[in-house]
Amino acid sequence: MADNKSKERCMARPIEKHDTAAWANVEKMKPGSKVTIPSESHVRDAKDYVDANQK
């Protein structure tokens, strides 16, 4: 089989960019891992949503 060089080139680029998404609501970001941390109010809203929709 022939090597697929274009696939290898594209694998390095991320497909999605979550830190600029409309729903991200980034309050801060961890320096080492670059994981976004949402604001406390959005975390509370998400928990309320999950609690309200449990079976």
Protein backbone atom coordinates (compact mmCIF):
# COMPACT_ATOMS: atom_id res chain seq x y z
CA MET A 1 0.00 0.00 0.00
CA ALA A 2 1.18 3.51 -0.74
CA ASP A 3 1.74 5.88 2.13
CA ASN A 4 -0.98 8.49 2.52
CA LYS A 5 1.04 11.67 3.12
CA SER A 6 -1.92 14.05 2.98
CA LYS A 7 -3.66 12.15 5.77
CA GLU A 8 -0.58 12.41 7.96
CA ARG A 9 -0.40 16.16 7.30
CA CYS A 10 -4.05 16.69 8.20
CA MET A 11 -3.93 14.59 11.37
CA ALA A 12 -1.88 17.27 13.13
CA ARG A 13 -4.62 19.90 12.72
CA PRO A 14 -7.59 19.79 15.12
CA ILE A 15 -10.97 19.44 13.46
CA GLU A 16 -12.91 21.43 16.01
CA LYS A 17 -11.93 24.52 17.95
CA HIS A 18 -13.94 24.46 21.17
CA ASP A 19 -12.40 27.51 22.82
CA THR A 20 -14.07 29.86 20.32
CA ALA A 21 -17.42 28.07 20.18
CA ALA A 22 -20.52 30.06 21.06
CA TRP A 23 -21.38 27.68 23.91
CA ALA A 24 -17.90 27.60 25.43
CA ASN A 25 -18.33 30.50 27.90
CA VAL A 26 -14.68 30.28 28.84
CA GLU A 27 -13.85 31.95 32.13
CA LYS A 28 -10.26 30.74 32.29
CA MET A 29 -7.97 28.10 30.84
CA LYS A 30 -5.55 25.68 32.49
CA PRO A 31 -2.04 26.61 31.38
CA GLY A 32 -0.54 23.15 30.86
CA SER A 33 -3.39 21.22 29.29
CA LYS A 34 -5.25 24.22 27.81
CA VAL A 35 -8.55 22.84 29.14
CA THR A 36 -11.23 25.50 29.30
CA ILE A 37 -13.03 26.12 32.58
CA PRO A 38 -16.57 27.56 32.30
CA SER A 39 -17.97 30.16 34.66
CA GLU A 40 -19.59 28.99 37.90
CA SER A 41 -23.06 30.10 36.83
CA HIS A 42 -22.88 27.98 33.69
CA VAL A 43 -21.73 24.95 35.67
CA ARG A 44 -24.68 25.45 38.04
CA ASP A 45 -27.10 25.76 35.10
CA ALA A 46 -25.73 22.55 33.57
CA LYS A 47 -26.13 20.69 36.86
CA ASP A 48 -29.71 21.93 37.22
CA TYR A 49 -30.46 20.79 33.68
CA VAL A 50 -29.06 17.30 34.32
CA ASP A 51 -30.87 16.98 37.65
CA ALA A 52 -34.18 18.01 36.06
CA ASN A 53 -33.85 15.53 33.19
CA GLN A 54 -32.89 12.40 35.10
CA LYS A 55 -35.29 9.47 34.94
